[in-house]
């Protein structure tokens, strides 16, 4: 098979193939396999070895092209990713979400991954699995929430300055994202708050009941 695993052996295991065989492999201590695979290792050749098919093809292509060092690096990268993923728990995801919240969404995802001692790809995968949104989407939500709260309390805020203070690159980006979340532009939202404030300020026509 294109990819296979051999467990602990008690006797010789003959392998036969037609033509030249080029193999890149990883050898584990008996206790070193668990972090990488959620399976009980059999004591024979596992022809149904569940390995990433895309990685298998990529490594095979590198071997076919006599790029042996690159093939080894690809396999090493694959197992490194698996190891990081196995040690990635909910505490790490929660920590990432808390950092984004406390930083008001103003944190680059690659910086966030470094602060959580993981890779950007792993962070995105596990964050999406836990919260059903990507770190980037959550950061956008946090930025919007900050801007919306500011406008709610002060609808006369300067929108250009508000966009900058909320972590947006420019006002156009701010308007586009605000409208996507709220259904209206920041200026329209501010006007609605002003109208609401004027209504409640009219003590003659508004009566508060307890």
N, C-alpha and C. Protein backbone atom coordinates (compact mmCIF):
# COMPACT_ATOMS: atom_id res chain seq x y z
N UNK A 1 0.83 -1.21 0.00
CA UNK A 1 0.00 0.00 0.00
C UNK A 1 0.86 1.26 0.00
N UNK A 2 0.28 2.36 -0.44
CA UNK A 2 1.04 3.60 -0.54
C UNK A 2 1.50 4.09 0.83
N UNK A 3 0.68 3.88 1.87
CA UNK A 3 1.05 4.23 3.25
C UNK A 3 0.68 3.08 4.15
N UNK A 4 1.55 2.70 5.06
CA UNK A 4 1.24 1.59 5.95
C UNK A 4 1.99 1.74 7.26
N UNK A 5 1.53 0.99 8.26
CA UNK A 5 2.15 1.02 9.57
C UNK A 5 2.54 -0.39 9.98
N UNK A 6 3.66 -0.49 10.65
CA UNK A 6 4.11 -1.77 11.20
C UNK A 6 4.21 -1.61 12.71
N UNK A 7 3.52 -2.46 13.44
CA UNK A 7 3.56 -2.40 14.89
C UNK A 7 4.75 -3.14 15.45
N UNK A 8 4.74 -3.37 16.75
CA UNK A 8 5.82 -4.12 17.40
C UNK A 8 5.84 -5.55 16.86
N UNK A 9 7.02 -6.02 16.52
CA UNK A 9 7.14 -7.34 15.89
C UNK A 9 7.77 -8.35 16.85
N UNK A 10 7.28 -9.56 16.75
CA UNK A 10 7.86 -10.67 17.50
C UNK A 10 8.62 -11.63 16.60
N UNK A 11 8.50 -11.40 15.30
CA UNK A 11 9.19 -12.25 14.33
C UNK A 11 9.41 -11.44 13.07
N UNK A 12 10.29 -11.88 12.17
CA UNK A 12 10.57 -11.15 10.94
C UNK A 12 9.31 -10.96 10.09
N UNK A 13 9.24 -9.83 9.42
CA UNK A 13 8.11 -9.54 8.54
C UNK A 13 8.63 -9.27 7.13
N UNK A 14 8.47 -10.21 6.22
CA UNK A 14 8.97 -10.00 4.85
C UNK A 14 8.07 -9.05 4.06
N UNK A 15 8.69 -8.16 3.31
CA UNK A 15 7.98 -7.24 2.43
C UNK A 15 8.45 -7.47 1.01
N UNK A 16 7.51 -7.58 0.10
CA UNK A 16 7.86 -7.84 -1.30
C UNK A 16 7.26 -6.76 -2.19
N UNK A 17 8.03 -6.34 -3.19
CA UNK A 17 7.54 -5.34 -4.12
C UNK A 17 8.23 -5.53 -5.46
N UNK A 18 7.57 -5.13 -6.51
CA UNK A 18 8.14 -5.21 -7.85
C UNK A 18 8.85 -3.90 -8.19
N UNK A 19 10.09 -3.99 -8.61
CA UNK A 19 10.84 -2.79 -8.99
C UNK A 19 11.47 -2.09 -7.80
N UNK A 20 11.95 -0.87 -8.08
CA UNK A 20 12.64 -0.08 -7.05
C UNK A 20 11.63 0.50 -6.06
N UNK A 21 11.95 0.42 -4.78
CA UNK A 21 11.08 0.96 -3.73
C UNK A 21 11.81 2.07 -2.98
N UNK A 22 11.20 3.23 -2.91
CA UNK A 22 11.75 4.36 -2.15
C UNK A 22 10.78 4.66 -1.01
N UNK A 23 11.26 4.62 0.20
CA UNK A 23 10.39 4.79 1.37
C UNK A 23 10.92 5.89 2.27
N UNK A 24 10.03 6.73 2.75
CA UNK A 24 10.35 7.67 3.82
C UNK A 24 9.49 7.25 5.01
N UNK A 25 10.11 7.15 6.18
CA UNK A 25 9.37 6.60 7.31
C UNK A 25 9.72 7.31 8.61
N UNK A 26 8.87 7.10 9.60
CA UNK A 26 9.11 7.61 10.96
C UNK A 26 9.07 6.42 11.90
N UNK A 27 10.02 6.37 12.82
CA UNK A 27 10.08 5.27 13.77
C UNK A 27 9.80 5.81 15.18
N UNK A 28 8.89 5.15 15.88
CA UNK A 28 8.45 5.61 17.19
C UNK A 28 8.89 4.65 18.29
N UNK A 29 9.07 5.21 19.47
CA UNK A 29 9.17 4.36 20.64
C UNK A 29 7.78 3.78 20.90
N UNK A 30 7.68 2.64 21.59
CA UNK A 30 6.37 2.03 21.83
C UNK A 30 5.38 2.99 22.51
N UNK A 31 5.89 3.87 23.37
CA UNK A 31 5.01 4.79 24.09
C UNK A 31 4.79 6.11 23.35
N UNK A 32 5.44 6.26 22.21
CA UNK A 32 5.41 7.55 21.54
C UNK A 32 4.35 7.72 20.48
N UNK A 33 3.55 6.71 20.24
CA UNK A 33 2.60 6.78 19.13
C UNK A 33 1.25 7.38 19.52
N UNK A 34 0.86 7.23 20.79
CA UNK A 34 -0.48 7.64 21.22
C UNK A 34 -0.83 9.09 20.93
N UNK A 35 0.09 10.05 21.10
CA UNK A 35 -0.30 11.44 20.81
C UNK A 35 -0.63 11.71 19.35
N UNK A 36 -0.25 10.79 18.46
CA UNK A 36 -0.44 11.03 17.03
C UNK A 36 -1.65 10.32 16.43
N UNK A 37 -2.01 9.17 16.99
CA UNK A 37 -3.09 8.39 16.40
C UNK A 37 -4.02 7.86 17.48
N UNK A 38 -5.32 8.05 17.27
CA UNK A 38 -6.31 7.52 18.20
C UNK A 38 -6.69 6.10 17.74
N UNK A 39 -5.78 5.18 17.94
CA UNK A 39 -6.01 3.81 17.50
C UNK A 39 -5.10 2.88 18.27
N UNK A 40 -5.48 1.64 18.33
CA UNK A 40 -4.63 0.63 18.95
C UNK A 40 -3.75 0.03 17.87
N UNK A 41 -2.46 0.16 18.05
CA UNK A 41 -1.53 -0.30 17.02
C UNK A 41 -1.52 -1.82 16.95
N UNK A 42 -1.77 -2.34 15.78
CA UNK A 42 -1.75 -3.78 15.58
C UNK A 42 -0.31 -4.27 15.42
N UNK A 43 -0.09 -5.55 15.64
CA UNK A 43 1.26 -6.11 15.54
C UNK A 43 1.51 -6.70 14.15
N UNK A 44 1.05 -6.03 13.15
CA UNK A 44 1.31 -6.46 11.78
C UNK A 44 1.18 -5.27 10.84
N UNK A 45 1.29 -5.52 9.57
CA UNK A 45 1.13 -4.44 8.60
C UNK A 45 -0.34 -4.04 8.54
N UNK A 46 -0.61 -2.78 8.72
CA UNK A 46 -1.98 -2.28 8.68
C UNK A 46 -2.23 -1.68 7.31
N UNK A 47 -2.85 -2.46 6.42
CA UNK A 47 -3.09 -1.98 5.06
C UNK A 47 -4.20 -0.95 5.00
N UNK A 48 -4.99 -0.81 6.06
CA UNK A 48 -6.06 0.19 6.11
C UNK A 48 -5.66 1.38 6.97
N UNK A 49 -4.39 1.66 7.03
CA UNK A 49 -3.86 2.74 7.85
C UNK A 49 -4.49 4.06 7.43
N UNK A 50 -5.15 4.72 8.38
CA UNK A 50 -5.85 5.97 8.10
C UNK A 50 -4.87 7.13 8.19
N UNK A 51 -4.31 7.52 7.07
CA UNK A 51 -3.34 8.61 7.03
C UNK A 51 -3.82 9.65 6.04
N UNK A 52 -3.43 10.89 6.24
CA UNK A 52 -3.85 11.98 5.38
C UNK A 52 -3.48 11.70 3.93
N UNK A 53 -4.50 11.52 3.09
CA UNK A 53 -4.27 11.13 1.70
C UNK A 53 -3.53 12.23 0.93
N UNK A 54 -3.86 13.49 1.24
CA UNK A 54 -3.19 14.60 0.55
C UNK A 54 -1.70 14.62 0.88
N UNK A 55 -1.37 14.37 2.15
CA UNK A 55 0.04 14.34 2.55
C UNK A 55 0.74 13.15 1.91
N UNK A 56 0.05 12.02 1.87
CA UNK A 56 0.62 10.82 1.25
C UNK A 56 0.99 11.08 -0.21
N UNK A 57 0.11 11.71 -0.95
CA UNK A 57 0.36 12.02 -2.36
C UNK A 57 1.50 13.02 -2.51
N UNK A 58 1.54 14.00 -1.61
CA UNK A 58 2.59 15.01 -1.69
C UNK A 58 3.96 14.40 -1.43
N UNK A 59 4.04 13.55 -0.40
CA UNK A 59 5.30 12.88 -0.10
C UNK A 59 5.70 11.96 -1.25
N UNK A 60 4.72 11.24 -1.79
CA UNK A 60 5.00 10.36 -2.93
C UNK A 60 5.54 11.11 -4.12
N UNK A 61 4.98 12.29 -4.38
CA UNK A 61 5.46 13.11 -5.50
C UNK A 61 6.88 13.59 -5.29
N UNK A 62 7.21 13.94 -4.03
CA UNK A 62 8.58 14.38 -3.72
C UNK A 62 9.57 13.23 -3.90
N UNK A 63 9.17 12.03 -3.49
CA UNK A 63 10.04 10.86 -3.65
C UNK A 63 10.24 10.53 -5.12
N UNK A 64 9.16 10.62 -5.88
CA UNK A 64 9.26 10.36 -7.32
C UNK A 64 10.22 11.34 -7.99
N UNK A 65 10.29 12.55 -7.44
CA UNK A 65 11.18 13.57 -8.01
C UNK A 65 12.55 13.58 -7.37
N UNK A 66 12.85 12.54 -6.58
CA UNK A 66 14.14 12.41 -5.91
C UNK A 66 14.42 13.56 -4.94
N UNK A 67 13.37 14.16 -4.41
CA UNK A 67 13.51 15.23 -3.43
C UNK A 67 13.35 14.63 -2.04
N UNK A 68 14.33 13.86 -1.62
CA UNK A 68 14.22 13.07 -0.40
C UNK A 68 14.20 13.94 0.87
N UNK A 69 15.07 14.94 0.92
CA UNK A 69 15.10 15.80 2.10
C UNK A 69 13.77 16.52 2.30
N UNK A 70 13.18 16.97 1.18
CA UNK A 70 11.89 17.66 1.28
C UNK A 70 10.79 16.70 1.73
N UNK A 71 10.88 15.44 1.30
CA UNK A 71 9.89 14.44 1.70
C UNK A 71 9.96 14.19 3.21
N UNK A 72 11.19 14.12 3.71
CA UNK A 72 11.37 13.92 5.16
C UNK A 72 10.81 15.12 5.93
N UNK A 73 11.08 16.33 5.46
CA UNK A 73 10.58 17.53 6.12
C UNK A 73 9.06 17.59 6.09
N UNK A 74 8.46 17.12 5.00
CA UNK A 74 7.00 17.11 4.89
C UNK A 74 6.39 16.14 5.91
N UNK A 75 7.01 14.97 6.04
CA UNK A 75 6.51 14.00 7.01
C UNK A 75 6.68 14.53 8.43
N UNK A 76 7.81 15.15 8.69
CA UNK A 76 8.06 15.72 10.01
C UNK A 76 7.04 16.81 10.33
N UNK A 77 6.75 17.66 9.35
CA UNK A 77 5.77 18.72 9.55
C UNK A 77 4.39 18.15 9.85
N UNK A 78 4.05 17.06 9.17
CA UNK A 78 2.75 16.43 9.37
C UNK A 78 2.61 15.92 10.80
N UNK A 79 3.63 15.24 11.30
CA UNK A 79 3.56 14.69 12.65
C UNK A 79 3.62 15.80 13.71
N UNK A 80 4.34 16.88 13.41
CA UNK A 80 4.38 18.01 14.33
C UNK A 80 2.98 18.61 14.48
N UNK A 81 2.29 18.75 13.36
CA UNK A 81 0.92 19.27 13.38
C UNK A 81 -0.01 18.36 14.18
N UNK A 82 0.14 17.05 13.98
CA UNK A 82 -0.69 16.10 14.72
C UNK A 82 -0.42 16.18 16.22
N UNK A 83 0.83 16.36 16.57
CA UNK A 83 1.18 16.43 17.99
C UNK A 83 0.60 17.69 18.65
N UNK A 84 0.72 18.81 17.95
CA UNK A 84 0.16 20.05 18.47
C UNK A 84 -1.34 19.93 18.63
N UNK A 85 -1.99 19.32 17.63
CA UNK A 85 -3.45 19.17 17.67
C UNK A 85 -3.87 18.29 18.84
N UNK A 86 -3.10 17.27 19.15
CA UNK A 86 -3.46 16.35 20.23
C UNK A 86 -3.37 17.04 21.59
N UNK A 87 -2.50 18.04 21.71
CA UNK A 87 -2.35 18.74 22.98
C UNK A 87 -3.18 20.00 23.08
N UNK A 88 -4.01 20.25 22.08
CA UNK A 88 -4.80 21.48 22.02
C UNK A 88 -6.15 21.23 22.69
N UNK A 89 -6.40 21.83 23.84
CA UNK A 89 -7.64 21.58 24.56
C UNK A 89 -8.49 22.84 24.62
N UNK A 90 -9.62 22.72 25.31
CA UNK A 90 -10.57 23.83 25.38
C UNK A 90 -9.99 25.03 26.11
N UNK A 91 -9.07 24.79 27.06
CA UNK A 91 -8.47 25.89 27.79
C UNK A 91 -7.73 26.83 26.85
N UNK A 92 -7.06 26.25 25.85
CA UNK A 92 -6.32 27.06 24.89
C UNK A 92 -7.26 27.89 24.04
N UNK A 93 -8.36 27.28 23.60
CA UNK A 93 -9.35 27.99 22.79
C UNK A 93 -9.98 29.12 23.61
N UNK A 94 -10.34 28.82 24.86
CA UNK A 94 -10.94 29.83 25.73
C UNK A 94 -9.97 30.98 25.99
N UNK A 95 -8.69 30.64 26.14
CA UNK A 95 -7.67 31.68 26.36
C UNK A 95 -7.57 32.59 25.14
N UNK A 96 -7.63 32.01 23.95
CA UNK A 96 -7.57 32.79 22.71
C UNK A 96 -8.76 33.72 22.60
N UNK A 97 -9.95 33.21 22.92
CA UNK A 97 -11.16 34.02 22.86
C UNK A 97 -11.10 35.16 23.87
N UNK A 98 -10.57 34.88 25.06
CA UNK A 98 -10.46 35.92 26.10
C UNK A 98 -9.48 37.01 25.67
N UNK A 99 -8.38 36.61 25.04
CA UNK A 99 -7.40 37.59 24.57
C UNK A 99 -8.04 38.51 23.53
N UNK A 100 -8.77 37.93 22.59
CA UNK A 100 -9.44 38.74 21.56
C UNK A 100 -10.44 39.70 22.18
N UNK A 101 -11.15 39.22 23.21
CA UNK A 101 -12.15 40.06 23.86
C UNK A 101 -11.49 41.22 24.61
N UNK A 102 -10.45 40.90 25.36
CA UNK A 102 -9.77 41.93 26.16
C UNK A 102 -9.03 42.93 25.28
N UNK A 103 -8.57 42.47 24.11
CA UNK A 103 -7.87 43.36 23.19
C UNK A 103 -8.83 44.04 22.23
N UNK A 104 -10.14 43.91 22.49
CA UNK A 104 -11.18 44.54 21.66
C UNK A 104 -11.09 44.11 20.20
N UNK A 105 -10.63 42.86 19.97
CA UNK A 105 -10.54 42.33 18.62
C UNK A 105 -9.31 42.80 17.86
N UNK A 106 -8.48 43.64 18.50
CA UNK A 106 -7.31 44.19 17.82
C UNK A 106 -6.09 43.33 18.08
N UNK A 107 -6.08 42.14 17.51
CA UNK A 107 -4.96 41.21 17.67
C UNK A 107 -4.85 40.37 16.40
N UNK A 108 -3.69 40.39 15.78
CA UNK A 108 -3.48 39.58 14.59
C UNK A 108 -3.56 38.10 14.95
N UNK A 109 -4.11 37.31 14.04
CA UNK A 109 -4.31 35.89 14.32
C UNK A 109 -2.98 35.16 14.47
N UNK A 110 -1.97 35.55 13.71
CA UNK A 110 -0.67 34.89 13.87
C UNK A 110 -0.03 35.24 15.21
N UNK A 111 -0.24 36.49 15.67
CA UNK A 111 0.23 36.86 17.01
C UNK A 111 -0.53 36.10 18.08
N UNK A 112 -1.82 35.95 17.88
CA UNK A 112 -2.66 35.22 18.83
C UNK A 112 -2.21 33.78 18.94
N UNK A 113 -1.88 33.16 17.82
CA UNK A 113 -1.42 31.78 17.82
C UNK A 113 -0.11 31.64 18.59
N UNK A 114 0.80 32.60 18.41
CA UNK A 114 2.06 32.56 19.14
C UNK A 114 1.85 32.71 20.65
N UNK A 115 0.92 33.58 21.04
CA UNK A 115 0.64 33.76 22.46
C UNK A 115 0.03 32.52 23.08
N UNK A 116 -0.64 31.71 22.25
CA UNK A 116 -1.26 30.48 22.75
C UNK A 116 -0.36 29.26 22.52
N UNK A 117 0.87 29.50 22.05
CA UNK A 117 1.85 28.44 21.83
C UNK A 117 1.31 27.35 20.90
N UNK A 118 0.75 27.77 19.78
CA UNK A 118 0.23 26.83 18.80
C UNK A 118 0.41 27.43 17.41
N UNK A 119 -0.01 26.71 16.39
CA UNK A 119 0.08 27.21 15.03
C UNK A 119 -1.22 27.92 14.65
N UNK A 120 -1.13 28.81 13.69
CA UNK A 120 -2.31 29.55 13.24
C UNK A 120 -3.37 28.59 12.69
N UNK A 121 -2.94 27.60 11.94
CA UNK A 121 -3.87 26.64 11.36
C UNK A 121 -4.60 25.84 12.44
N UNK A 122 -3.86 25.40 13.46
CA UNK A 122 -4.47 24.63 14.54
C UNK A 122 -5.43 25.50 15.34
N UNK A 123 -5.04 26.73 15.61
CA UNK A 123 -5.90 27.64 16.35
C UNK A 123 -7.22 27.86 15.62
N UNK A 124 -7.15 28.11 14.33
CA UNK A 124 -8.35 28.36 13.54
C UNK A 124 -9.26 27.13 13.53
N UNK A 125 -8.67 25.95 13.36
CA UNK A 125 -9.47 24.73 13.31
C UNK A 125 -10.20 24.48 14.62
N UNK A 126 -9.46 24.57 15.73
CA UNK A 126 -10.06 24.28 17.03
C UNK A 126 -10.99 25.38 17.51
N UNK A 127 -10.69 26.61 17.17
CA UNK A 127 -11.56 27.73 17.53
C UNK A 127 -12.90 27.58 16.83
N UNK A 128 -12.85 27.24 15.55
CA UNK A 128 -14.08 27.05 14.79
C UNK A 128 -14.88 25.86 15.31
N UNK A 129 -14.18 24.80 15.72
CA UNK A 129 -14.84 23.62 16.25
C UNK A 129 -15.54 23.92 17.57
N UNK A 130 -14.92 24.76 18.39
CA UNK A 130 -15.47 25.06 19.72
C UNK A 130 -16.57 26.12 19.68
N UNK A 131 -16.39 27.17 18.84
CA UNK A 131 -17.32 28.30 18.86
C UNK A 131 -18.12 28.46 17.56
N UNK A 132 -17.85 27.61 16.58
CA UNK A 132 -18.56 27.66 15.28
C UNK A 132 -18.27 28.95 14.52
N UNK A 133 -17.24 29.66 14.87
CA UNK A 133 -16.77 30.83 14.12
C UNK A 133 -15.25 30.81 14.13
N UNK A 134 -14.65 31.47 13.17
CA UNK A 134 -13.19 31.55 13.13
C UNK A 134 -12.72 32.66 14.07
N UNK A 135 -11.45 32.63 14.48
CA UNK A 135 -10.92 33.71 15.31
C UNK A 135 -11.10 35.08 14.65
N UNK A 136 -10.93 35.13 13.34
CA UNK A 136 -11.07 36.39 12.61
C UNK A 136 -12.51 36.91 12.69
N UNK A 137 -13.48 36.00 12.54
CA UNK A 137 -14.89 36.41 12.61
C UNK A 137 -15.24 36.90 14.01
N UNK A 138 -14.72 36.20 15.02
CA UNK A 138 -14.98 36.60 16.40
C UNK A 138 -14.37 37.97 16.68
N UNK A 139 -13.16 38.20 16.19
CA UNK A 139 -12.51 39.50 16.36
C UNK A 139 -13.33 40.61 15.72
N UNK A 140 -13.90 40.32 14.54
CA UNK A 140 -14.76 41.30 13.87
C UNK A 140 -15.99 41.60 14.71
N UNK A 141 -16.55 40.56 15.31
CA UNK A 141 -17.73 40.73 16.16
C UNK A 141 -17.40 41.60 17.38
N UNK A 142 -16.23 41.37 17.97
CA UNK A 142 -15.82 42.14 19.14
C UNK A 142 -15.61 43.61 18.78
N UNK A 143 -14.98 43.87 17.62
CA UNK A 143 -14.77 45.25 17.18
C UNK A 143 -16.10 45.96 16.94
N UNK A 144 -17.01 45.25 16.29
CA UNK A 144 -18.33 45.83 16.03
C UNK A 144 -19.05 46.15 17.34
N UNK A 145 -19.00 45.22 18.28
CA UNK A 145 -19.69 45.41 19.55
C UNK A 145 -19.16 46.63 20.28
N UNK A 146 -17.84 46.84 20.21
CA UNK A 146 -17.23 48.01 20.85
C UNK A 146 -17.74 49.30 20.21
N UNK A 147 -17.77 49.33 18.87
CA UNK A 147 -18.24 50.52 18.16
C UNK A 147 -19.72 50.77 18.43
N UNK A 148 -20.51 49.73 18.44
CA UNK A 148 -21.95 49.86 18.67
C UNK A 148 -22.24 50.41 20.07
N UNK A 149 -21.51 49.91 21.07
CA UNK A 149 -21.71 50.40 22.43
C UNK A 149 -21.35 51.87 22.54
N UNK A 150 -20.27 52.27 21.85
CA UNK A 150 -19.86 53.67 21.88
C UNK A 150 -20.93 54.56 21.27
N UNK A 151 -21.48 54.16 20.13
CA UNK A 151 -22.52 54.95 19.48
C UNK A 151 -23.80 54.96 20.29
N UNK A 152 -24.09 53.87 20.98
CA UNK A 152 -25.29 53.82 21.80
C UNK A 152 -25.22 54.83 22.94
N UNK A 153 -24.05 54.97 23.53
CA UNK A 153 -23.89 55.90 24.65
C UNK A 153 -23.59 57.32 24.18
N UNK A 154 -23.02 57.45 22.98
CA UNK A 154 -22.70 58.78 22.45
C UNK A 154 -22.90 58.80 20.94
N UNK A 155 -24.14 59.00 20.49
CA UNK A 155 -24.43 58.98 19.06
C UNK A 155 -23.83 60.16 18.29
N UNK A 156 -23.26 61.13 19.01
CA UNK A 156 -22.62 62.27 18.35
C UNK A 156 -21.12 62.04 18.13
N UNK A 157 -20.67 60.82 18.35
CA UNK A 157 -19.25 60.49 18.17
C UNK A 157 -18.81 60.73 16.74
N UNK A 158 -17.57 61.16 16.59
CA UNK A 158 -16.98 61.31 15.26
C UNK A 158 -16.74 59.91 14.68
N UNK A 159 -17.36 59.60 13.56
CA UNK A 159 -17.32 58.24 13.01
C UNK A 159 -15.94 57.86 12.50
N UNK A 160 -15.20 58.82 11.97
CA UNK A 160 -13.85 58.52 11.50
C UNK A 160 -12.95 58.14 12.66
N UNK A 161 -13.03 58.91 13.74
CA UNK A 161 -12.24 58.61 14.93
C UNK A 161 -12.70 57.30 15.57
N UNK A 162 -14.02 57.07 15.55
CA UNK A 162 -14.56 55.83 16.13
C UNK A 162 -14.04 54.61 15.37
N UNK A 163 -13.98 54.71 14.05
CA UNK A 163 -13.46 53.60 13.24
C UNK A 163 -12.02 53.30 13.63
N UNK A 164 -11.24 54.33 13.82
CA UNK A 164 -9.82 54.16 14.20
C UNK A 164 -9.71 53.56 15.60
N UNK A 165 -10.49 54.10 16.53
CA UNK A 165 -10.44 53.62 17.91
C UNK A 165 -10.92 52.19 18.05
N UNK A 166 -11.77 51.75 17.13
CA UNK A 166 -12.32 50.39 17.21
C UNK A 166 -11.48 49.37 16.46
N UNK A 167 -10.37 49.81 15.87
CA UNK A 167 -9.45 48.87 15.25
C UNK A 167 -9.66 48.62 13.77
N UNK A 168 -10.43 49.49 13.10
CA UNK A 168 -10.66 49.31 11.66
C UNK A 168 -9.58 50.02 10.86
N UNK A 169 -9.26 49.45 9.69
CA UNK A 169 -8.21 50.02 8.85
C UNK A 169 -8.62 51.39 8.30
N UNK A 170 -9.89 51.49 7.91
CA UNK A 170 -10.39 52.75 7.37
C UNK A 170 -11.90 52.80 7.60
N UNK A 171 -12.49 53.95 7.29
CA UNK A 171 -13.92 54.13 7.54
C UNK A 171 -14.77 53.26 6.61
N UNK A 172 -14.29 53.03 5.39
CA UNK A 172 -15.05 52.20 4.45
C UNK A 172 -15.21 50.77 5.00
N UNK A 173 -14.12 50.24 5.54
CA UNK A 173 -14.16 48.91 6.15
C UNK A 173 -15.09 48.91 7.36
N UNK A 174 -15.02 49.97 8.14
CA UNK A 174 -15.87 50.12 9.31
C UNK A 174 -17.35 50.11 8.92
N UNK A 175 -17.70 50.90 7.91
CA UNK A 175 -19.10 50.99 7.47
C UNK A 175 -19.59 49.65 6.92
N UNK A 176 -18.76 48.98 6.12
CA UNK A 176 -19.14 47.71 5.52
C UNK A 176 -19.40 46.65 6.60
N UNK A 177 -18.49 46.56 7.58
CA UNK A 177 -18.62 45.54 8.62
C UNK A 177 -19.78 45.86 9.57
N UNK A 178 -19.94 47.13 9.89
CA UNK A 178 -21.03 47.54 10.78
C UNK A 178 -22.38 47.21 10.13
N UNK A 179 -22.51 47.49 8.86
CA UNK A 179 -23.76 47.21 8.14
C UNK A 179 -24.02 45.71 8.06
N UNK A 180 -22.96 44.93 7.92
CA UNK A 180 -23.12 43.47 7.84
C UNK A 180 -23.67 42.92 9.15
N UNK A 181 -23.22 43.48 10.28
CA UNK A 181 -23.67 43.00 11.58
C UNK A 181 -25.02 43.60 11.99
N UNK A 182 -25.21 44.88 11.69
CA UNK A 182 -26.35 45.61 12.24
C UNK A 182 -27.49 45.82 11.24
N UNK A 183 -27.17 45.73 9.95
CA UNK A 183 -28.22 45.94 8.94
C UNK A 183 -28.37 47.39 8.55
N UNK A 184 -27.55 48.27 9.11
CA UNK A 184 -27.58 49.68 8.75
C UNK A 184 -26.19 50.27 8.94
N UNK A 185 -25.97 51.45 8.40
CA UNK A 185 -24.66 52.08 8.51
C UNK A 185 -24.48 52.68 9.90
N UNK A 186 -23.24 52.98 10.31
CA UNK A 186 -23.04 53.61 11.62
C UNK A 186 -23.79 54.93 11.76
N UNK A 187 -23.82 55.73 10.69
CA UNK A 187 -24.52 57.02 10.76
C UNK A 187 -26.02 56.83 10.93
N UNK A 188 -26.60 55.84 10.24
CA UNK A 188 -28.03 55.56 10.39
C UNK A 188 -28.33 55.08 11.81
N UNK A 189 -27.44 54.26 12.35
CA UNK A 189 -27.63 53.75 13.71
C UNK A 189 -27.55 54.90 14.71
N UNK A 190 -26.58 55.80 14.51
CA UNK A 190 -26.43 56.95 15.40
C UNK A 190 -27.67 57.83 15.36
N UNK A 191 -28.22 58.03 14.16
CA UNK A 191 -29.43 58.84 14.02
C UNK A 191 -30.61 58.21 14.75
N UNK A 192 -30.72 56.90 14.70
CA UNK A 192 -31.82 56.22 15.39
C UNK A 192 -31.68 56.38 16.90
N UNK A 193 -30.45 56.36 17.41
CA UNK A 193 -30.22 56.57 18.84
C UNK A 193 -30.57 58.01 19.23
N UNK A 194 -30.23 58.96 18.36
CA UNK A 194 -30.56 60.36 18.63
C UNK A 194 -32.07 60.54 18.71
N UNK A 195 -32.79 59.93 17.76
CA UNK A 195 -34.24 60.03 17.78
C UNK A 195 -34.82 59.41 19.04
N UNK A 196 -34.28 58.24 19.42
CA UNK A 196 -34.74 57.57 20.63
C UNK A 196 -34.48 58.43 21.86
N UNK A 197 -33.30 59.07 21.89
CA UNK A 197 -32.95 59.92 23.03
C UNK A 197 -33.89 61.12 23.13
N UNK A 198 -34.25 61.71 21.98
CA UNK A 198 -35.14 62.87 22.00
C UNK A 198 -36.53 62.49 22.48
N UNK A 199 -36.95 61.28 22.16
CA UNK A 199 -38.27 60.83 22.62
C UNK A 199 -38.29 60.69 24.14
N UNK A 200 -37.27 60.06 24.68
CA UNK A 200 -37.23 59.86 26.14
C UNK A 200 -36.94 61.16 26.88
N UNK A 201 -36.35 62.14 26.16
CA UNK A 201 -36.08 63.43 26.79
C UNK A 201 -37.33 64.28 26.89
N UNK A 202 -38.38 63.92 26.14
CA UNK A 202 -39.64 64.66 26.16
C UNK A 202 -40.46 64.23 27.37
N UNK A 203 -40.25 64.90 28.49
CA UNK A 203 -40.92 64.53 29.74
C UNK A 203 -42.42 64.75 29.69
N UNK A 204 -42.87 65.58 28.74
CA UNK A 204 -44.31 65.85 28.67
C UNK A 204 -45.09 64.68 28.08
N UNK A 205 -44.44 63.94 27.18
CA UNK A 205 -45.15 62.87 26.46
C UNK A 205 -44.72 61.46 26.88
N UNK A 206 -43.69 61.37 27.74
CA UNK A 206 -43.19 60.07 28.15
C UNK A 206 -43.41 59.92 29.65
N UNK A 207 -44.03 58.85 30.05
CA UNK A 207 -44.29 58.59 31.44
C UNK A 207 -43.62 57.26 31.82
N UNK A 208 -42.80 57.26 32.87
CA UNK A 208 -42.13 56.07 33.34
C UNK A 208 -42.93 55.46 34.48
N UNK A 209 -43.26 54.19 34.39
CA UNK A 209 -44.05 53.50 35.40
C UNK A 209 -43.17 52.58 36.21
N UNK A 210 -43.46 52.45 37.48
CA UNK A 210 -42.74 51.50 38.34
C UNK A 210 -43.69 50.44 38.82
